[in-house]
């Protein structure tokens, strides 16, 4: 299973980013291989549609689970259409949240907002 989490810094001991579409990076963790890496969010500075473009990055990374504190409805639609499960993070690092997910301790993400269109 491959897990994707928005990150503000390239450090698996760093916190989960509060933003999905505007996070500078994504931590991608392959649970089978037990390795993680970071990918740059090339959509972070987009004029519009950052969430959708960012969601496509996770789809392209073959992510099966996304952990994020919130999502816009268009980004959520892209992820759900790709059969990516959505979960809420808990306090702690990126790696803490990977372990919490593996232990079945994260709740599904229901915090889907309309997005920040025309801002």
PDB file of N, CA and C in Angstrom:
ATOM      1  N   UNK A   1       0.839  -1.176   0.000  1.00  0.00           N
ATOM      2  CA  UNK A   1       0.000   0.000   0.000  1.00  0.00           C
ATOM      3  C   UNK A   1       0.885   1.240   0.000  1.00  0.00           C
ATOM      4  N   UNK A   2       0.547   2.214  -0.830  1.00  0.00           N
ATOM      5  CA  UNK A   2       1.302   3.457  -0.918  1.00  0.00           C
ATOM      6  C   UNK A   2       0.463   4.582  -0.331  1.00  0.00           C
ATOM      7  N   UNK A   3       1.085   5.337   0.577  1.00  0.00           N
ATOM      8  CA  UNK A   3       0.419   6.388   1.338  1.00  0.00           C
ATOM      9  C   UNK A   3       1.009   7.735   0.935  1.00  0.00           C
ATOM     10  N   UNK A   4       0.160   8.740   0.748  1.00  0.00           N
ATOM     11  CA  UNK A   4       0.614  10.093   0.429  1.00  0.00           C
ATOM     12  C   UNK A   4       0.112  11.090   1.460  1.00  0.00           C
ATOM     13  N   UNK A   5       1.027  11.966   1.920  1.00  0.00           N
ATOM     14  CA  UNK A   5       0.696  12.947   2.956  1.00  0.00           C
ATOM     15  C   UNK A   5       1.323  14.290   2.583  1.00  0.00           C
ATOM     16  N   UNK A   6       0.555  15.399   2.646  1.00  0.00           N
ATOM     17  CA  UNK A   6       1.145  16.704   2.368  1.00  0.00           C
ATOM     18  C   UNK A   6       2.140  17.098   3.462  1.00  0.00           C
ATOM     19  N   UNK A   7       3.254  17.702   3.042  1.00  0.00           N
ATOM     20  CA  UNK A   7       4.327  18.055   3.978  1.00  0.00           C
ATOM     21  C   UNK A   7       4.847  19.460   3.699  1.00  0.00           C
ATOM     22  N   UNK A   8       5.218  20.158   4.762  1.00  0.00           N
ATOM     23  CA  UNK A   8       5.801  21.490   4.611  1.00  0.00           C
ATOM     24  C   UNK A   8       7.312  21.431   4.437  1.00  0.00           C
ATOM     25  N   UNK A   9       7.937  20.371   4.956  1.00  0.00           N
ATOM     26  CA  UNK A   9       9.388  20.210   4.842  1.00  0.00           C
ATOM     27  C   UNK A   9       9.704  18.774   4.452  1.00  0.00           C
ATOM     28  N   UNK A  10      10.879  18.575   3.895  1.00  0.00           N
ATOM     29  CA  UNK A  10      11.309  17.238   3.480  1.00  0.00           C
ATOM     30  C   UNK A  10      11.959  16.514   4.657  1.00  0.00           C
ATOM     31  N   UNK A  11      11.126  16.117   5.608  1.00  0.00           N
ATOM     32  CA  UNK A  11      11.598  15.420   6.808  1.00  0.00           C
ATOM     33  C   UNK A  11      10.461  14.546   7.307  1.00  0.00           C
ATOM     34  N   UNK A  12      10.661  13.230   7.319  1.00  0.00           N
ATOM     35  CA  UNK A  12       9.578  12.338   7.737  1.00  0.00           C
ATOM     36  C   UNK A  12       9.204  12.515   9.197  1.00  0.00           C
ATOM     37  N   UNK A  13      10.051  13.201   9.957  1.00  0.00           N
ATOM     38  CA  UNK A  13       9.720  13.520  11.343  1.00  0.00           C
ATOM     39  C   UNK A  13       9.051  14.889  11.456  1.00  0.00           C
ATOM     40  N   UNK A  14       8.833  15.544  10.322  1.00  0.00           N
ATOM     41  CA  UNK A  14       8.147  16.834  10.289  1.00  0.00           C
ATOM     42  C   UNK A  14       6.645  16.639  10.351  1.00  0.00           C
ATOM     43  N   UNK A  15       5.924  17.747  10.540  1.00  0.00           N
ATOM     44  CA  UNK A  15       4.472  17.678  10.688  1.00  0.00           C
ATOM     45  C   UNK A  15       3.750  17.512   9.348  1.00  0.00           C
ATOM     46  N   UNK A  16       2.513  17.078   9.436  1.00  0.00           N
ATOM     47  CA  UNK A  16       1.619  17.044   8.282  1.00  0.00           C
ATOM     48  C   UNK A  16       1.261  18.490   7.952  1.00  0.00           C
ATOM     49  N   UNK A  17       1.295  18.842   6.691  1.00  0.00           N
ATOM     50  CA  UNK A  17       0.925  20.200   6.284  1.00  0.00           C
ATOM     51  C   UNK A  17      -0.562  20.446   6.522  1.00  0.00           C
ATOM     52  N   UNK A  18      -0.902  21.665   6.870  1.00  0.00           N
ATOM     53  CA  UNK A  18      -2.302  22.039   7.051  1.00  0.00           C
ATOM     54  C   UNK A  18      -3.031  22.256   5.741  1.00  0.00           C
ATOM     55  N   UNK A  19      -2.274  22.301   4.640  1.00  0.00           N
ATOM     56  CA  UNK A  19      -2.861  22.528   3.324  1.00  0.00           C
ATOM     57  C   UNK A  19      -2.583  21.327   2.433  1.00  0.00           C
ATOM     58  N   UNK A  20      -3.561  20.940   1.640  1.00  0.00           N
ATOM     59  CA  UNK A  20      -3.335  19.854   0.686  1.00  0.00           C
ATOM     60  C   UNK A  20      -2.763  20.392  -0.618  1.00  0.00           C
ATOM     61  N   UNK A  21      -3.502  21.248  -1.282  1.00  0.00           N
ATOM     62  CA  UNK A  21      -3.110  21.716  -2.603  1.00  0.00           C
ATOM     63  C   UNK A  21      -1.920  22.646  -2.622  1.00  0.00           C
ATOM     64  N   UNK A  22      -1.668  23.343  -1.527  1.00  0.00           N
ATOM     65  CA  UNK A  22      -0.572  24.320  -1.469  1.00  0.00           C
ATOM     66  C   UNK A  22       0.625  23.822  -0.667  1.00  0.00           C
ATOM     67  N   UNK A  23       0.596  22.580  -0.207  1.00  0.00           N
ATOM     68  CA  UNK A  23       1.755  22.030   0.505  1.00  0.00           C
ATOM     69  C   UNK A  23       2.948  21.980  -0.451  1.00  0.00           C
ATOM     70  N   UNK A  24       4.135  22.310   0.011  1.00  0.00           N
ATOM     71  CA  UNK A  24       5.305  22.288  -0.880  1.00  0.00           C
ATOM     72  C   UNK A  24       5.707  20.889  -1.343  1.00  0.00           C
ATOM     73  N   UNK A  25       5.423  19.880  -0.516  1.00  0.00           N
ATOM     74  CA  UNK A  25       5.861  18.509  -0.807  1.00  0.00           C
ATOM     75  C   UNK A  25       4.772  17.504  -0.445  1.00  0.00           C
ATOM     76  N   UNK A  26       4.974  16.281  -0.913  1.00  0.00           N
ATOM     77  CA  UNK A  26       4.187  15.134  -0.464  1.00  0.00           C
ATOM     78  C   UNK A  26       5.150  14.055  -0.039  1.00  0.00           C
ATOM     79  N   UNK A  27       4.869  13.480   1.133  1.00  0.00           N
ATOM     80  CA  UNK A  27       5.622  12.329   1.614  1.00  0.00           C
ATOM     81  C   UNK A  27       4.913  11.099   1.066  1.00  0.00           C
ATOM     82  N   UNK A  28       5.624  10.310   0.303  1.00  0.00           N
ATOM     83  CA  UNK A  28       5.083   9.101  -0.307  1.00  0.00           C
ATOM     84  C   UNK A  28       5.749   7.916   0.381  1.00  0.00           C
ATOM     85  N   UNK A  29       4.943   7.088   1.035  1.00  0.00           N
ATOM     86  CA  UNK A  29       5.481   5.953   1.782  1.00  0.00           C
ATOM     87  C   UNK A  29       4.936   4.647   1.223  1.00  0.00           C
ATOM     88  N   UNK A  30       5.850   3.765   0.850  1.00  0.00           N
ATOM     89  CA  UNK A  30       5.496   2.441   0.336  1.00  0.00           C
ATOM     90  C   UNK A  30       5.550   1.468   1.504  1.00  0.00           C
ATOM     91  N   UNK A  31       4.391   1.057   1.980  1.00  0.00           N
ATOM     92  CA  UNK A  31       4.303   0.196   3.153  1.00  0.00           C
ATOM     93  C   UNK A  31       4.899  -1.190   2.915  1.00  0.00           C
ATOM     94  N   UNK A  32       4.838  -1.697   1.695  1.00  0.00           N
ATOM     95  CA  UNK A  32       5.403  -3.022   1.421  1.00  0.00           C
ATOM     96  C   UNK A  32       6.928  -2.993   1.425  1.00  0.00           C
ATOM     97  N   UNK A  33       7.500  -1.959   0.817  1.00  0.00           N
ATOM     98  CA  UNK A  33       8.964  -1.841   0.741  1.00  0.00           C
ATOM     99  C   UNK A  33       9.548  -1.164   1.973  1.00  0.00           C
ATOM    100  N   UNK A  34       8.692  -0.560   2.793  1.00  0.00           N
ATOM    101  CA  UNK A  34       9.107   0.142   4.015  1.00  0.00           C
ATOM    102  C   UNK A  34      10.061   1.295   3.715  1.00  0.00           C
ATOM    103  N   UNK A  35       9.775   2.021   2.620  1.00  0.00           N
ATOM    104  CA  UNK A  35      10.591   3.182   2.275  1.00  0.00           C
ATOM    105  C   UNK A  35       9.694   4.362   1.916  1.00  0.00           C
ATOM    106  N   UNK A  36      10.206   5.546   2.182  1.00  0.00           N
ATOM    107  CA  UNK A  36       9.472   6.752   1.851  1.00  0.00           C
ATOM    108  C   UNK A  36      10.363   7.720   1.098  1.00  0.00           C
ATOM    109  N   UNK A  37       9.728   8.589   0.342  1.00  0.00           N
ATOM    110  CA  UNK A  37      10.453   9.646  -0.360  1.00  0.00           C
ATOM    111  C   UNK A  37       9.530  10.852  -0.488  1.00  0.00           C
ATOM    112  N   UNK A  38      10.095  11.964  -0.874  1.00  0.00           N
ATOM    113  CA  UNK A  38       9.327  13.188  -1.047  1.00  0.00           C
ATOM    114  C   UNK A  38       9.256  13.552  -2.514  1.00  0.00           C
ATOM    115  N   UNK A  39       8.111  14.086  -2.920  1.00  0.00           N
ATOM    116  CA  UNK A  39       7.963  14.645  -4.259  1.00  0.00           C
ATOM    117  C   UNK A  39       7.538  16.100  -4.084  1.00  0.00           C
ATOM    118  N   UNK A  40       8.049  16.933  -4.957  1.00  0.00           N
ATOM    119  CA  UNK A  40       7.684  18.343  -4.917  1.00  0.00           C
ATOM    120  C   UNK A  40       6.279  18.529  -5.471  1.00  0.00           C
ATOM    121  N   UNK A  41       5.528  19.407  -4.829  1.00  0.00           N
ATOM    122  CA  UNK A  41       4.196  19.742  -5.318  1.00  0.00           C
ATOM    123  C   UNK A  41       4.348  20.868  -6.329  1.00  0.00           C
ATOM    124  N   UNK A  42       4.388  20.531  -7.580  1.00  0.00           N
ATOM    125  CA  UNK A  42       4.539  21.516  -8.646  1.00  0.00           C
ATOM    126  C   UNK A  42       3.287  22.372  -8.814  1.00  0.00           C
ATOM    127  N   UNK A  43       2.210  22.008  -8.152  1.00  0.00           N
ATOM    128  CA  UNK A  43       0.962  22.773  -8.224  1.00  0.00           C
ATOM    129  C   UNK A  43       0.851  23.823  -7.123  1.00  0.00           C
ATOM    130  N   UNK A  44       1.775  23.833  -6.184  1.00  0.00           N
ATOM    131  CA  UNK A  44       1.658  24.692  -5.001  1.00  0.00           C
ATOM    132  C   UNK A  44       1.486  26.167  -5.337  1.00  0.00           C
ATOM    133  N   UNK A  45       2.094  26.634  -6.400  1.00  0.00           N
ATOM    134  CA  UNK A  45       2.022  28.051  -6.754  1.00  0.00           C
ATOM    135  C   UNK A  45       1.102  28.330  -7.937  1.00  0.00           C
ATOM    136  N   UNK A  46       0.271  27.366  -8.274  1.00  0.00           N
ATOM    137  CA  UNK A  46      -0.654  27.542  -9.397  1.00  0.00           C
ATOM    138  C   UNK A  46      -1.643  28.666  -9.101  1.00  0.00           C
ATOM    139  N   UNK A  47      -2.026  29.406 -10.133  1.00  0.00           N
ATOM    140  CA  UNK A  47      -3.005  30.485  -9.963  1.00  0.00           C
ATOM    141  C   UNK A  47      -4.362  29.941  -9.525  1.00  0.00           C
ATOM    142  N   UNK A  48      -4.728  28.794 -10.026  1.00  0.00           N
ATOM    143  CA  UNK A  48      -5.992  28.168  -9.667  1.00  0.00           C
ATOM    144  C   UNK A  48      -5.907  26.671  -9.883  1.00  0.00           C
ATOM    145  N   UNK A  49      -6.794  25.954  -9.259  1.00  0.00           N
ATOM    146  CA  UNK A  49      -6.837  24.506  -9.435  1.00  0.00           C
ATOM    147  C   UNK A  49      -5.699  23.760  -8.791  1.00  0.00           C
ATOM    148  N   UNK A  50      -5.073  24.359  -7.759  1.00  0.00           N
ATOM    149  CA  UNK A  50      -3.931  23.706  -7.120  1.00  0.00           C
ATOM    150  C   UNK A  50      -4.308  22.351  -6.526  1.00  0.00           C
ATOM    151  N   UNK A  51      -5.468  22.266  -5.910  1.00  0.00           N
ATOM    152  CA  UNK A  51      -5.885  21.008  -5.293  1.00  0.00           C
ATOM    153  C   UNK A  51      -6.049  19.885  -6.291  1.00  0.00           C
ATOM    154  N   UNK A  52      -6.663  20.184  -7.422  1.00  0.00           N
ATOM    155  CA  UNK A  52      -6.871  19.175  -8.465  1.00  0.00           C
ATOM    156  C   UNK A  52      -5.534  18.740  -9.043  1.00  0.00           C
ATOM    157  N   UNK A  53      -4.666  19.703  -9.316  1.00  0.00           N
ATOM    158  CA  UNK A  53      -3.337  19.375  -9.862  1.00  0.00           C
ATOM    159  C   UNK A  53      -2.526  18.577  -8.853  1.00  0.00           C
ATOM    160  N   UNK A  54      -2.619  18.951  -7.587  1.00  0.00           N
ATOM    161  CA  UNK A  54      -1.914  18.221  -6.539  1.00  0.00           C
ATOM    162  C   UNK A  54      -2.456  16.802  -6.399  1.00  0.00           C
ATOM    163  N   UNK A  55      -3.773  16.660  -6.480  1.00  0.00           N
ATOM    164  CA  UNK A  55      -4.376  15.324  -6.401  1.00  0.00           C
ATOM    165  C   UNK A  55      -3.852  14.441  -7.525  1.00  0.00           C
ATOM    166  N   UNK A  56      -3.672  15.020  -8.705  1.00  0.00           N
ATOM    167  CA  UNK A  56      -3.152  14.246  -9.840  1.00  0.00           C
ATOM    168  C   UNK A  56      -1.720  13.774  -9.578  1.00  0.00           C
ATOM    169  N   UNK A  57      -0.947  14.568  -8.840  1.00  0.00           N
ATOM    170  CA  UNK A  57       0.406  14.141  -8.466  1.00  0.00           C
ATOM    171  C   UNK A  57       0.333  12.849  -7.657  1.00  0.00           C
ATOM    172  N   UNK A  58      -0.604  12.794  -6.702  1.00  0.00           N
ATOM    173  CA  UNK A  58      -0.732  11.576  -5.891  1.00  0.00           C
ATOM    174  C   UNK A  58      -1.222  10.403  -6.734  1.00  0.00           C
ATOM    175  N   UNK A  59      -2.133  10.667  -7.653  1.00  0.00           N
ATOM    176  CA  UNK A  59      -2.591   9.605  -8.563  1.00  0.00           C
ATOM    177  C   UNK A  59      -1.401   9.083  -9.366  1.00  0.00           C
ATOM    178  N   UNK A  60      -0.576   9.981  -9.889  1.00  0.00           N
ATOM    179  CA  UNK A  60       0.585   9.585 -10.687  1.00  0.00           C
ATOM    180  C   UNK A  60       1.615   8.814  -9.868  1.00  0.00           C
ATOM    181  N   UNK A  61       1.634   9.044  -8.564  1.00  0.00           N
ATOM    182  CA  UNK A  61       2.549   8.333  -7.665  1.00  0.00           C
ATOM    183  C   UNK A  61       1.985   6.976  -7.225  1.00  0.00           C
ATOM    184  N   UNK A  62       0.811   6.631  -7.742  1.00  0.00           N
ATOM    185  CA  UNK A  62       0.145   5.349  -7.432  1.00  0.00           C
ATOM    186  C   UNK A  62      -0.255   5.239  -5.963  1.00  0.00           C
ATOM    187  N   UNK A  63      -0.566   6.382  -5.350  1.00  0.00           N
ATOM    188  CA  UNK A  63      -0.998   6.406  -3.955  1.00  0.00           C
ATOM    189  C   UNK A  63      -2.344   5.698  -3.830  1.00  0.00           C
ATOM    190  N   UNK A  64      -2.492   4.939  -2.749  1.00  0.00           N
ATOM    191  CA  UNK A  64      -3.745   4.242  -2.472  1.00  0.00           C
ATOM    192  C   UNK A  64      -4.482   4.832  -1.285  1.00  0.00           C
ATOM    193  N   UNK A  65      -3.750   5.581  -0.445  1.00  0.00           N
ATOM    194  CA  UNK A  65      -4.313   6.226   0.737  1.00  0.00           C
ATOM    195  C   UNK A  65      -3.721   7.627   0.827  1.00  0.00           C
ATOM    196  N   UNK A  66      -4.583   8.639   1.024  1.00  0.00           N
ATOM    197  CA  UNK A  66      -4.124  10.003   1.261  1.00  0.00           C
ATOM    198  C   UNK A  66      -4.534  10.408   2.671  1.00  0.00           C
ATOM    199  N   UNK A  67      -3.603  11.025   3.386  1.00  0.00           N
ATOM    200  CA  UNK A  67      -3.863  11.509   4.736  1.00  0.00           C
ATOM    201  C   UNK A  67      -3.714  13.026   4.691  1.00  0.00           C
ATOM    202  N   UNK A  68      -4.803  13.753   4.962  1.00  0.00           N
ATOM    203  CA  UNK A  68      -4.786  15.211   4.880  1.00  0.00           C
ATOM    204  C   UNK A  68      -5.839  15.780   5.826  1.00  0.00           C
ATOM    205  N   UNK A  69      -5.553  16.937   6.455  1.00  0.00           N
ATOM    206  CA  UNK A  69      -6.535  17.508   7.373  1.00  0.00           C
ATOM    207  C   UNK A  69      -7.781  18.053   6.691  1.00  0.00           C
ATOM    208  N   UNK A  70      -7.668  18.386   5.407  1.00  0.00           N
ATOM    209  CA  UNK A  70      -8.820  18.889   4.665  1.00  0.00           C
ATOM    210  C   UNK A  70      -8.557  18.748   3.178  1.00  0.00           C
ATOM    211  N   UNK A  71      -9.633  18.794   2.415  1.00  0.00           N
ATOM    212  CA  UNK A  71      -9.544  18.734   0.953  1.00  0.00           C
ATOM    213  C   UNK A  71     -10.669  19.575   0.359  1.00  0.00           C
ATOM    214  N   UNK A  72     -10.396  20.165  -0.775  1.00  0.00           N
ATOM    215  CA  UNK A  72     -11.454  20.805  -1.545  1.00  0.00           C
ATOM    216  C   UNK A  72     -12.236  19.735  -2.287  1.00  0.00           C
ATOM    217  N   UNK A  73     -13.469  20.064  -2.641  1.00  0.00           N
ATOM    218  CA  UNK A  73     -14.333  19.052  -3.267  1.00  0.00           C
ATOM    219  C   UNK A  73     -13.788  18.554  -4.606  1.00  0.00           C
ATOM    220  N   UNK A  74     -13.156  19.410  -5.394  1.00  0.00           N
ATOM    221  CA  UNK A  74     -12.625  18.960  -6.687  1.00  0.00           C
ATOM    222  C   UNK A  74     -11.427  18.033  -6.511  1.00  0.00           C
ATOM    223  N   UNK A  75     -10.548  18.358  -5.580  1.00  0.00           N
ATOM    224  CA  UNK A  75      -9.414  17.478  -5.295  1.00  0.00           C
ATOM    225  C   UNK A  75      -9.906  16.138  -4.746  1.00  0.00           C
ATOM    226  N   UNK A  76     -10.894  16.192  -3.855  1.00  0.00           N
ATOM    227  CA  UNK A  76     -11.450  14.958  -3.289  1.00  0.00           C
ATOM    228  C   UNK A  76     -12.054  14.093  -4.390  1.00  0.00           C
ATOM    229  N   UNK A  77     -12.705  14.723  -5.359  1.00  0.00           N
ATOM    230  CA  UNK A  77     -13.313  13.976  -6.458  1.00  0.00           C
ATOM    231  C   UNK A  77     -12.235  13.254  -7.286  1.00  0.00           C
ATOM    232  N   UNK A  78     -11.130  13.945  -7.565  1.00  0.00           N
ATOM    233  CA  UNK A  78     -10.038  13.324  -8.326  1.00  0.00           C
ATOM    234  C   UNK A  78      -9.493  12.112  -7.572  1.00  0.00           C
ATOM    235  N   UNK A  79      -9.273  12.275  -6.272  1.00  0.00           N
ATOM    236  CA  UNK A  79      -8.728  11.180  -5.472  1.00  0.00           C
ATOM    237  C   UNK A  79      -9.718  10.021  -5.358  1.00  0.00           C
ATOM    238  N   UNK A  80     -10.971  10.335  -5.110  1.00  0.00           N
ATOM    239  CA  UNK A  80     -11.974   9.270  -4.992  1.00  0.00           C
ATOM    240  C   UNK A  80     -12.177   8.545  -6.321  1.00  0.00           C
ATOM    241  N   UNK A  81     -12.144   9.287  -7.430  1.00  0.00           N
ATOM    242  CA  UNK A  81     -12.280   8.648  -8.747  1.00  0.00           C
ATOM    243  C   UNK A  81     -11.135   7.676  -9.024  1.00  0.00           C
ATOM    244  N   UNK A  82      -9.980   7.920  -8.375  1.00  0.00           N
ATOM    245  CA  UNK A  82      -8.826   7.030  -8.519  1.00  0.00           C
ATOM    246  C   UNK A  82      -8.821   5.955  -7.431  1.00  0.00           C
ATOM    247  N   UNK A  83      -9.933   5.853  -6.688  1.00  0.00           N
ATOM    248  CA  UNK A  83     -10.079   4.866  -5.611  1.00  0.00           C
ATOM    249  C   UNK A  83      -9.042   5.027  -4.508  1.00  0.00           C
ATOM    250  N   UNK A  84      -8.670   6.280  -4.237  1.00  0.00           N
ATOM    251  CA  UNK A  84      -7.750   6.584  -3.143  1.00  0.00           C
ATOM    252  C   UNK A  84      -8.582   6.856  -1.895  1.00  0.00           C
ATOM    253  N   UNK A  85      -8.278   6.130  -0.833  1.00  0.00           N
ATOM    254  CA  UNK A  85      -8.987   6.315   0.431  1.00  0.00           C
ATOM    255  C   UNK A  85      -8.463   7.566   1.124  1.00  0.00           C
ATOM    256  N   UNK A  86      -9.350   8.291   1.816  1.00  0.00           N
ATOM    257  CA  UNK A  86      -9.005   9.556   2.445  1.00  0.00           C
ATOM    258  C   UNK A  86      -9.132   9.449   3.960  1.00  0.00           C
ATOM    259  N   UNK A  87      -8.073   9.877   4.666  1.00  0.00           N
ATOM    260  CA  UNK A  87      -8.045   9.808   6.125  1.00  0.00           C
ATOM    261  C   UNK A  87      -7.560  11.119   6.728  1.00  0.00           C
ATOM    262  N   UNK A  88      -7.999  11.381   7.966  1.00  0.00           N
ATOM    263  CA  UNK A  88      -7.585  12.553   8.741  1.00  0.00           C
ATOM    264  C   UNK A  88      -6.313  12.223   9.517  1.00  0.00           C
ATOM    265  N   UNK A  89      -5.357  13.144   9.554  1.00  0.00           N
ATOM    266  CA  UNK A  89      -4.166  12.905  10.381  1.00  0.00           C
ATOM    267  C   UNK A  89      -4.456  13.171  11.853  1.00  0.00           C
ATOM    268  N   UNK A  90      -3.609  12.674  12.691  1.00  0.00           N
ATOM    269  CA  UNK A  90      -3.595  12.984  14.120  1.00  0.00           C
ATOM    270  C   UNK A  90      -2.377  13.869  14.369  1.00  0.00           C
ATOM    271  N   UNK A  91      -2.276  14.432  15.565  1.00  0.00           N
ATOM    272  CA  UNK A  91      -1.076  15.181  15.921  1.00  0.00           C
ATOM    273  C   UNK A  91       0.116  14.246  15.820  1.00  0.00           C
ATOM    274  N   UNK A  92       1.214  14.783  15.365  1.00  0.00           N
ATOM    275  CA  UNK A  92       2.426  13.986  15.233  1.00  0.00           C
ATOM    276  C   UNK A  92       3.048  14.167  13.865  1.00  0.00           C
ATOM    277  N   UNK A  93       4.108  13.456  13.635  1.00  0.00           N
ATOM    278  CA  UNK A  93       4.880  13.586  12.407  1.00  0.00           C
ATOM    279  C   UNK A  93       4.236  12.830  11.244  1.00  0.00           C
ATOM    280  N   UNK A  94       4.830  13.021  10.088  1.00  0.00           N
ATOM    281  CA  UNK A  94       4.398  12.268   8.903  1.00  0.00           C
ATOM    282  C   UNK A  94       4.486  10.769   9.181  1.00  0.00           C
ATOM    283  N   UNK A  95       5.637  10.340   9.709  1.00  0.00           N
ATOM    284  CA  UNK A  95       5.832   8.911   9.971  1.00  0.00           C
ATOM    285  C   UNK A  95       4.901   8.417  11.072  1.00  0.00           C
ATOM    286  N   UNK A  96       4.641   9.249  12.086  1.00  0.00           N
ATOM    287  CA  UNK A  96       3.673   8.873  13.130  1.00  0.00           C
ATOM    288  C   UNK A  96       2.324   8.549  12.496  1.00  0.00           C
ATOM    289  N   UNK A  97       1.921   9.367  11.524  1.00  0.00           N
ATOM    290  CA  UNK A  97       0.626   9.168  10.881  1.00  0.00           C
ATOM    291  C   UNK A  97       0.611   7.938   9.989  1.00  0.00           C
ATOM    292  N   UNK A  98       1.734   7.602   9.374  1.00  0.00           N
ATOM    293  CA  UNK A  98       1.831   6.341   8.632  1.00  0.00           C
ATOM    294  C   UNK A  98       1.581   5.183   9.592  1.00  0.00           C
ATOM    295  N   UNK A  99       2.239   5.222  10.739  1.00  0.00           N
ATOM    296  CA  UNK A  99       2.094   4.131  11.716  1.00  0.00           C
ATOM    297  C   UNK A  99       0.676   4.079  12.288  1.00  0.00           C
ATOM    298  N   UNK A 100       0.087   5.245  12.550  1.00  0.00           N
ATOM    299  CA  UNK A 100      -1.297   5.272  13.034  1.00  0.00           C
ATOM    300  C   UNK A 100      -2.251   4.679  11.998  1.00  0.00           C
ATOM    301  N   UNK A 101      -2.018   4.993  10.725  1.00  0.00           N
ATOM    302  CA  UNK A 101      -2.857   4.412   9.680  1.00  0.00           C
ATOM    303  C   UNK A 101      -2.701   2.894   9.661  1.00  0.00           C
ATOM    304  N   UNK A 102      -1.460   2.428   9.702  1.00  0.00           N
ATOM    305  CA  UNK A 102      -1.211   0.982   9.665  1.00  0.00           C
ATOM    306  C   UNK A 102      -1.874   0.261  10.829  1.00  0.00           C
ATOM    307  N   UNK A 103      -1.987   0.963  11.969  1.00  0.00           N
ATOM    308  CA  UNK A 103      -2.620   0.384  13.155  1.00  0.00           C
ATOM    309  C   UNK A 103      -4.135   0.574  13.167  1.00  0.00           C
ATOM    310  N   UNK A 104      -4.681   1.171  12.090  1.00  0.00           N
ATOM    311  CA  UNK A 104      -6.127   1.374  12.002  1.00  0.00           C
ATOM    312  C   UNK A 104      -6.659   2.450  12.934  1.00  0.00           C
ATOM    313  N   UNK A 105      -5.816   3.431  13.290  1.00  0.00           N
ATOM    314  CA  UNK A 105      -6.212   4.430  14.274  1.00  0.00           C
ATOM    315  C   UNK A 105      -6.571   5.793  13.679  1.00  0.00           C
ATOM    316  N   UNK A 106      -6.613   5.909  12.366  1.00  0.00           N
ATOM    317  CA  UNK A 106      -7.011   7.172  11.749  1.00  0.00           C
ATOM    318  C   UNK A 106      -8.460   7.083  11.276  1.00  0.00           C
ATOM    319  N   UNK A 107      -9.166   8.201  11.399  1.00  0.00           N
ATOM    320  CA  UNK A 107     -10.550   8.265  10.946  1.00  0.00           C
ATOM    321  C   UNK A 107     -10.602   8.724   9.493  1.00  0.00           C
ATOM    322  N   UNK A 108     -11.657   8.314   8.814  1.00  0.00           N
ATOM    323  CA  UNK A 108     -11.830   8.750   7.433  1.00  0.00           C
ATOM    324  C   UNK A 108     -12.035  10.258   7.392  1.00  0.00           C
ATOM    325  N   UNK A 109     -11.549  10.876   6.334  1.00  0.00           N
ATOM    326  CA  UNK A 109     -11.661  12.316   6.151  1.00  0.00           C
ATOM    327  C   UNK A 109     -13.056  12.671   5.651  1.00  0.00           C
ATOM    328  N   UNK A 110     -13.725  13.515   6.414  1.00  0.00           N
ATOM    329  CA  UNK A 110     -15.035  14.006   6.002  1.00  0.00           C
ATOM    330  C   UNK A 110     -15.026  15.524   5.835  1.00  0.00           C
ATOM    331  N   UNK A 111     -13.883  16.147   6.083  1.00  0.00           N
ATOM    332  CA  UNK A 111     -13.743  17.607   6.023  1.00  0.00           C
ATOM    333  C   UNK A 111     -13.475  18.029   4.571  1.00  0.00           C
ATOM    334  N   UNK A 112     -14.492  17.898   3.738  1.00  0.00           N
ATOM    335  CA  UNK A 112     -14.401  18.291   2.331  1.00  0.00           C
ATOM    336  C   UNK A 112     -15.074  19.658   2.199  1.00  0.00           C
ATOM    337  N   UNK A 113     -14.325  20.661   1.764  1.00  0.00           N
ATOM    338  CA  UNK A 113     -14.891  21.992   1.637  1.00  0.00           C
ATOM    339  C   UNK A 113     -15.093  22.346   0.159  1.00  0.00           C
ATOM    340  N   UNK A 114     -15.741  23.449  -0.092  1.00  0.00           N
ATOM    341  CA  UNK A 114     -16.038  23.846  -1.471  1.00  0.00           C
ATOM    342  C   UNK A 114     -14.798  24.233  -2.246  1.00  0.00           C
ATOM    343  N   UNK A 115     -13.701  24.428  -1.562  1.00  0.00           N
ATOM    344  CA  UNK A 115     -12.473  24.858  -2.237  1.00  0.00           C
ATOM    345  C   UNK A 115     -12.339  26.361  -2.119  1.00  0.00           C
ATOM    346  N   UNK A 116     -11.248  26.870  -2.619  1.00  0.00           N
ATOM    347  CA  UNK A 116     -10.963  28.301  -2.521  1.00  0.00           C
ATOM    348  C   UNK A 116     -11.017  28.905  -3.913  1.00  0.00           C
ATOM    349  N   UNK A 117     -12.102  28.661  -4.611  1.00  0.00           N
ATOM    350  CA  UNK A 117     -12.266  29.134  -5.977  1.00  0.00           C
ATOM    351  C   UNK A 117     -12.362  30.657  -6.018  1.00  0.00           C
ATOM    352  N   UNK A 118     -11.772  31.218  -7.040  1.00  0.00           N
ATOM    353  CA  UNK A 118     -11.837  32.659  -7.307  1.00  0.00           C
ATOM    354  C   UNK A 118     -11.223  33.486  -6.190  1.00  0.00           C
ATOM    355  N   UNK A 119     -10.202  32.941  -5.522  1.00  0.00           N
ATOM    356  CA  UNK A 119      -9.507  33.704  -4.464  1.00  0.00           C
ATOM    357  C   UNK A 119      -8.121  34.048  -4.926  1.00  0.00           C
TER     358      UNK A 119
END
